């Protein structure tokens, strides 16, 4: 079936999350009572694509699943959100799994496993899946495939957004084709060798020529450098139940604002608010709030102090 033009295409990870809630994280050799245990769909790109779909964007997800019961959880979630999928099914294979331990303060620790057969290769992609979109999101885990998709998008003048939390092998080739690079706190220093975050972000943006290089910083919000100025959006103060998926929803909020052609500061504020609200309930997609709810928090919410 020929793909139709969509607002966003995402190429990257999905995972079935087993969410384990405990009062206190157990130390080595100790035990902890489990307060609750839930199984939910997650994964960086899959979650961001679902969020954008709930906000009214037309979206496409490209990835791989096994042929197990977990795969059906994902397929159902995509169908409910009306996400077009281009999914390769791997026979006799378990879908990617995450076991996430969430402590009494809402902080999570992740144990992740994915069968190597679930890796996306460049030959698994079709050019039309990428170029018939207004924006591309990649997570870089399968770096060669992400790089191929990003090159196709760049050739078609489609903005590329990257969500990176690790310095993957050959990631530099991907970074050369990214327009909006939004990474975890430690990524800029690890790849640049510069301890100071501001210096590392300047280096990252100048070295790879992105329009924006930014790092998400938890309760400190997000800090970015656009080649001319630093942009900072403090995080919003909300009752935190679970931080799982906060970064995924931040990226979704960023993409939503970008495709609305909002000013940069408004985009970052909206993304921070979307991420904060998601933390008020359990799971990677715990509370994908409505656009009106997010805008209400932007307008009237209390924020952490700027640094």
Protein backbone atom coordinates (compact mmCIF):
# COMPACT_ATOMS: atom_id res chain seq x y z
CA UNK A 1 0.00 0.00 0.00
CA UNK A 2 1.36 3.40 -0.99
CA UNK A 3 2.04 5.66 2.00
CA UNK A 4 0.22 8.96 2.32
CA UNK A 5 1.82 12.19 3.49
CA UNK A 6 1.83 12.53 7.27
CA UNK A 7 2.97 15.20 9.70
CA UNK A 8 5.53 13.05 11.51
CA UNK A 9 7.34 9.79 10.83
CA UNK A 10 9.26 8.12 13.62
CA UNK A 11 11.96 5.49 13.07
CA UNK A 12 13.18 3.75 16.19
CA UNK A 13 12.49 1.97 19.43
CA UNK A 14 9.44 0.46 21.00
CA UNK A 15 9.37 -1.54 24.24
CA UNK A 16 6.90 -3.29 26.46
CA UNK A 17 7.42 -1.82 29.93
CA UNK A 18 6.92 -3.81 33.11
CA UNK A 19 6.53 -1.03 35.66
CA UNK A 20 7.55 -2.05 39.19
CA UNK A 21 6.67 0.46 41.92
CA UNK A 22 8.59 0.28 45.21
CA UNK A 23 8.83 2.59 48.24
CA UNK A 24 12.63 2.51 48.23
CA UNK A 25 15.08 1.20 45.67
CA UNK A 26 16.61 -2.02 47.05
CA UNK A 27 20.32 -2.09 47.79
CA UNK A 28 22.60 -5.01 46.88
CA UNK A 29 21.52 -8.23 48.60
CA UNK A 30 18.30 -6.70 49.97
CA UNK A 31 14.58 -7.09 49.30
CA UNK A 32 11.83 -4.58 48.63
CA UNK A 33 8.05 -4.86 48.67
CA UNK A 34 6.43 -4.23 45.30
CA UNK A 35 3.57 -1.73 45.67
CA UNK A 36 2.25 -2.32 42.15
CA UNK A 37 3.21 -4.04 38.92
CA UNK A 38 1.84 -2.98 35.54
CA UNK A 39 2.59 -3.86 31.92
CA UNK A 40 2.36 -0.96 29.45
CA UNK A 41 3.59 -0.02 25.96
CA UNK A 42 6.57 2.34 25.76
CA UNK A 43 9.75 3.06 23.81
CA UNK A 44 11.23 6.41 22.83
CA UNK A 45 10.00 6.90 19.29
CA UNK A 46 6.81 4.85 19.63
CA UNK A 47 5.70 6.93 22.61
CA UNK A 48 6.47 10.27 20.95
CA UNK A 49 4.58 9.27 17.81
CA UNK A 50 1.55 8.18 19.87
CA UNK A 51 1.56 11.51 21.76
CA UNK A 52 1.66 13.57 18.56
CA UNK A 53 -1.20 11.51 17.18
CA UNK A 54 -3.30 12.22 20.26
CA UNK A 55 -2.70 15.94 19.69
CA UNK A 56 -4.15 15.70 16.22
CA UNK A 57 -1.10 15.13 14.02
CA UNK A 58 -1.05 12.47 11.33
CA UNK A 59 1.79 10.11 12.23
CA UNK A 60 3.66 7.06 10.99
CA UNK A 61 5.78 4.61 12.99
CA UNK A 62 8.55 2.49 11.47
CA UNK A 63 10.01 -0.31 13.57
CA UNK A 64 10.20 -4.00 14.40
CA UNK A 65 8.23 -6.28 16.72
CA UNK A 66 8.39 -9.92 17.65
CA UNK A 67 5.50 -12.31 17.16
CA UNK A 68 4.56 -12.49 20.85
CA UNK A 69 1.70 -11.16 22.96
CA UNK A 70 3.67 -7.98 23.67
CA UNK A 71 3.56 -7.11 19.98
CA UNK A 72 -0.22 -7.13 20.12
CA UNK A 73 -0.13 -4.55 22.93
CA UNK A 74 1.77 -2.20 20.63
CA UNK A 75 -0.39 -2.88 17.60
CA UNK A 76 -3.52 -2.14 19.61
CA UNK A 77 -2.07 1.12 20.95
CA UNK A 78 -1.10 2.28 17.45
CA UNK A 79 -4.54 1.35 16.11
CA UNK A 80 -6.38 3.24 18.88
CA UNK A 81 -4.28 6.35 18.20
CA UNK A 82 -4.78 5.98 14.41
CA UNK A 83 -1.02 5.79 13.77
CA UNK A 84 0.01 4.39 10.40
CA UNK A 85 2.54 1.63 10.98
CA UNK A 86 5.28 0.13 8.86
CA UNK A 87 6.25 -2.71 11.18
CA UNK A 88 8.42 -5.71 10.38
CA UNK A 89 7.46 -8.81 12.37
CA UNK A 90 10.32 -11.10 13.38
CA UNK A 91 9.23 -14.73 13.76
CA UNK A 92 9.99 -16.72 16.91
CA UNK A 93 11.18 -13.57 18.63
CA UNK A 94 10.19 -11.69 21.78
CA UNK A 95 9.53 -7.96 21.38
CA UNK A 96 11.81 -5.52 23.22
CA UNK A 97 11.25 -5.48 26.99
CA UNK A 98 11.97 -2.96 29.73
CA UNK A 99 11.67 -3.62 33.46
CA UNK A 100 11.37 -0.24 35.14
CA UNK A 101 11.74 0.18 38.89
CA UNK A 102 10.11 3.37 40.17
CA UNK A 103 10.91 4.50 43.73
CA UNK A 104 8.77 6.50 46.14
CA UNK A 105 10.03 9.81 44.69
CA UNK A 106 9.04 8.85 41.15
CA UNK A 107 12.60 8.29 39.91
CA UNK A 108 13.00 5.30 37.62
CA UNK A 109 15.75 2.84 36.83
CA UNK A 110 15.52 0.82 33.62
CA UNK A 111 16.59 -2.74 32.80
CA UNK A 112 16.27 -3.16 29.03
CA UNK A 113 16.59 -6.09 26.66
CA UNK A 114 16.10 -6.34 22.90
CA UNK A 115 16.81 -9.35 20.71
CA UNK A 116 19.49 -8.38 18.13
CA UNK A 117 17.11 -9.53 15.38
CA UNK A 118 14.89 -6.55 16.18
CA UNK A 119 17.52 -4.06 15.04
CA UNK A 120 16.34 -1.90 12.13
CA UNK A 121 18.68 -2.04 9.13
CA UNK A 122 18.85 0.50 6.28
CA UNK A 123 17.45 -2.10 3.87
CA UNK A 124 14.33 -2.38 6.07
CA UNK A 125 13.37 1.20 5.14
CA UNK A 126 11.58 2.60 2.13
CA UNK A 127 12.37 6.14 1.03
CA UNK A 128 8.70 7.10 0.62
CA UNK A 129 8.01 6.31 4.29
CA UNK A 130 10.47 9.05 5.22
CA UNK A 131 10.02 11.68 2.53
CA UNK A 132 6.22 11.71 2.65
CA UNK A 133 6.23 13.50 6.00
CA UNK A 134 6.70 16.99 7.43
CA UNK A 135 9.15 15.86 10.10
CA UNK A 136 11.34 12.87 11.05
CA UNK A 137 12.13 11.64 14.57
CA UNK A 138 14.95 9.15 15.19
CA UNK A 139 16.49 7.83 18.40
CA UNK A 140 19.78 6.64 16.89
CA UNK A 141 19.88 3.23 18.55
CA UNK A 142 20.01 1.57 15.15
CA UNK A 143 22.42 4.17 13.89
CA UNK A 144 22.87 3.11 10.27
CA UNK A 145 19.12 3.00 9.64
CA UNK A 146 18.58 6.31 11.44
CA UNK A 147 21.35 7.88 9.36
CA UNK A 148 19.82 6.62 6.12
CA UNK A 149 16.41 7.98 7.08
CA UNK A 150 17.92 11.32 8.11
CA UNK A 151 19.79 11.66 4.82
CA UNK A 152 16.62 11.03 2.84
CA UNK A 153 14.78 13.59 4.95
CA UNK A 154 17.53 16.18 4.53
CA UNK A 155 17.52 15.67 0.75
CA UNK A 156 13.78 16.41 0.79
CA UNK A 157 14.17 19.44 3.11
CA UNK A 158 12.32 17.68 5.92
CA UNK A 159 13.46 18.64 9.45
CA UNK A 160 15.14 15.87 11.42
CA UNK A 161 14.74 15.67 15.20
CA UNK A 162 16.97 13.31 17.18
CA UNK A 163 16.45 11.89 20.68
CA UNK A 164 19.82 10.51 21.79
CA UNK A 165 20.86 9.19 25.18
CA UNK A 166 24.01 7.31 24.20
CA UNK A 167 27.06 7.88 21.99
CA UNK A 168 26.39 5.02 19.60
CA UNK A 169 29.08 3.76 17.18
CA UNK A 170 29.24 5.98 14.07
CA UNK A 171 26.71 8.40 15.59
CA UNK A 172 28.69 11.27 14.07
CA UNK A 173 27.36 10.34 10.62
CA UNK A 174 23.83 10.67 11.99
CA UNK A 175 24.54 13.96 13.74
CA UNK A 176 25.65 15.50 10.46
CA UNK A 177 22.07 15.06 9.23
CA UNK A 178 20.15 16.27 12.29
CA UNK A 179 18.46 19.67 12.48
CA UNK A 180 17.19 19.58 16.07
CA UNK A 181 19.38 17.59 18.41
CA UNK A 182 17.79 17.09 21.84
CA UNK A 183 19.82 14.77 24.03
CA UNK A 184 20.22 13.54 27.60
CA UNK A 185 22.18 15.57 30.15
CA UNK A 186 25.49 13.73 29.80
CA UNK A 187 25.57 13.30 26.02
CA UNK A 188 27.12 16.69 25.07
CA UNK A 189 30.07 16.30 27.44
CA UNK A 190 30.64 12.65 26.53
CA UNK A 191 30.90 13.31 22.81
CA UNK A 192 32.74 16.64 23.03
CA UNK A 193 35.05 15.94 25.96
CA UNK A 194 34.06 19.28 27.49
CA UNK A 195 32.86 19.19 31.11
CA UNK A 196 30.96 22.48 30.99
CA UNK A 197 27.49 21.92 29.50
CA UNK A 198 27.33 25.31 27.77
CA UNK A 199 30.69 24.77 26.11
CA UNK A 200 29.69 21.25 25.11
CA UNK A 201 26.42 22.43 23.53
CA UNK A 202 28.25 25.16 21.59
CA UNK A 203 30.74 22.57 20.35
CA UNK A 204 27.98 20.14 19.40
CA UNK A 205 26.00 22.69 17.40
CA UNK A 206 29.04 24.13 15.64
CA UNK A 207 30.63 20.76 14.91
CA UNK A 208 27.55 19.23 13.28
CA UNK A 209 25.67 22.31 12.08
CA UNK A 210 22.31 21.62 13.72
CA UNK A 211 19.77 24.41 14.09
CA UNK A 212 19.54 23.63 17.79
CA UNK A 213 21.59 21.51 20.18
CA UNK A 214 19.82 21.02 23.50
CA UNK A 215 19.97 18.84 26.62
CA UNK A 216 17.05 17.87 28.84
CA UNK A 217 17.93 18.33 32.51
CA UNK A 218 15.16 16.91 34.68
CA UNK A 219 13.92 19.47 37.20
CA UNK A 220 16.25 22.04 35.60
CA UNK A 221 14.25 21.85 32.38
CA UNK A 222 16.07 22.17 29.07
CA UNK A 223 19.05 24.20 27.86
CA UNK A 224 19.78 24.72 24.18
CA UNK A 225 22.16 26.64 21.92
CA UNK A 226 20.96 27.75 18.45
CA UNK A 227 24.25 29.16 17.21
CA UNK A 228 23.41 32.66 18.41
CA UNK A 229 21.96 32.42 21.90
CA UNK A 230 21.20 30.03 24.75
CA UNK A 231 17.57 29.12 25.29
CA UNK A 232 16.42 27.85 28.67
CA UNK A 233 13.03 26.64 29.82
CA UNK A 234 12.75 25.71 33.53
CA UNK A 235 10.75 22.62 34.41
CA UNK A 236 7.26 22.86 35.87
CA UNK A 237 6.50 21.90 39.46
CA UNK A 238 3.97 19.05 39.52
CA UNK A 239 3.28 16.12 41.87
CA UNK A 240 5.56 13.46 40.41
CA UNK A 241 4.45 9.83 40.37
CA UNK A 242 6.80 8.45 37.70
CA UNK A 243 9.42 10.09 35.46
CA UNK A 244 9.30 7.26 32.89
CA UNK A 245 8.73 8.68 29.41
CA UNK A 246 9.30 12.31 30.35
CA UNK A 247 11.96 12.73 27.66
CA UNK A 248 9.83 10.96 25.07
CA UNK A 249 6.90 13.29 25.71
CA UNK A 250 9.24 16.29 25.74
CA UNK A 251 10.32 15.38 22.21
CA UNK A 252 6.70 14.95 21.16
CA UNK A 253 5.87 18.40 22.56
CA UNK A 254 8.86 19.90 20.79
CA UNK A 255 7.83 18.38 17.47
CA UNK A 256 4.23 19.51 17.90
CA UNK A 257 5.32 23.12 18.48
CA UNK A 258 7.89 22.97 15.69
CA UNK A 259 5.29 21.85 13.16
CA UNK A 260 3.00 24.67 14.34
CA UNK A 261 5.91 27.04 13.56
CA UNK A 262 5.87 28.52 17.05
CA UNK A 263 8.76 30.66 18.36
CA UNK A 264 11.56 28.63 19.94
CA UNK A 265 10.84 29.67 23.52
CA UNK A 266 7.17 28.76 23.24
CA UNK A 267 8.12 25.37 21.81
CA UNK A 268 10.44 24.63 24.74
CA UNK A 269 7.89 25.80 27.32
CA UNK A 270 5.18 23.61 25.78
CA UNK A 271 7.50 20.60 25.65
CA UNK A 272 8.49 21.05 29.31
CA UNK A 273 4.84 21.29 30.35
CA UNK A 274 3.88 18.20 28.36
CA UNK A 275 6.73 16.23 29.96
CA UNK A 276 5.82 17.42 33.46
CA UNK A 277 2.19 16.38 33.16
CA UNK A 278 3.19 12.93 31.94
CA UNK A 279 5.10 12.47 35.20
CA UNK A 280 1.94 12.86 37.28
CA UNK A 281 0.76 9.34 36.40
CA UNK A 282 2.49 5.99 35.96
CA UNK A 283 4.09 4.79 32.74
CA UNK A 284 5.80 6.12 29.65
CA UNK A 285 2.40 7.29 28.41
CA UNK A 286 0.99 7.88 31.89
CA UNK A 287 -0.63 11.20 31.19
CA UNK A 288 -0.40 12.43 27.65
CA UNK A 289 -2.36 15.55 28.47
CA UNK A 290 -4.51 17.46 25.99
CA UNK A 291 -3.09 20.52 24.27
CA UNK A 292 -5.44 22.69 26.37
CA UNK A 293 -4.17 21.13 29.62
CA UNK A 294 -0.57 21.67 28.55
CA UNK A 295 -1.23 25.29 27.59
CA UNK A 296 -2.91 25.84 30.97
CA UNK A 297 0.21 24.65 32.77
CA UNK A 298 2.38 26.87 30.56
CA UNK A 299 0.24 29.89 31.42
CA UNK A 300 -0.39 29.33 35.11
CA UNK A 301 2.00 26.62 36.32
CA UNK A 302 4.74 27.11 38.88
CA UNK A 303 8.28 26.42 37.75
CA UNK A 304 11.61 25.52 39.23
CA UNK A 305 14.14 28.35 39.43
CA UNK A 306 16.32 29.18 36.47
CA UNK A 307 20.02 28.42 36.80
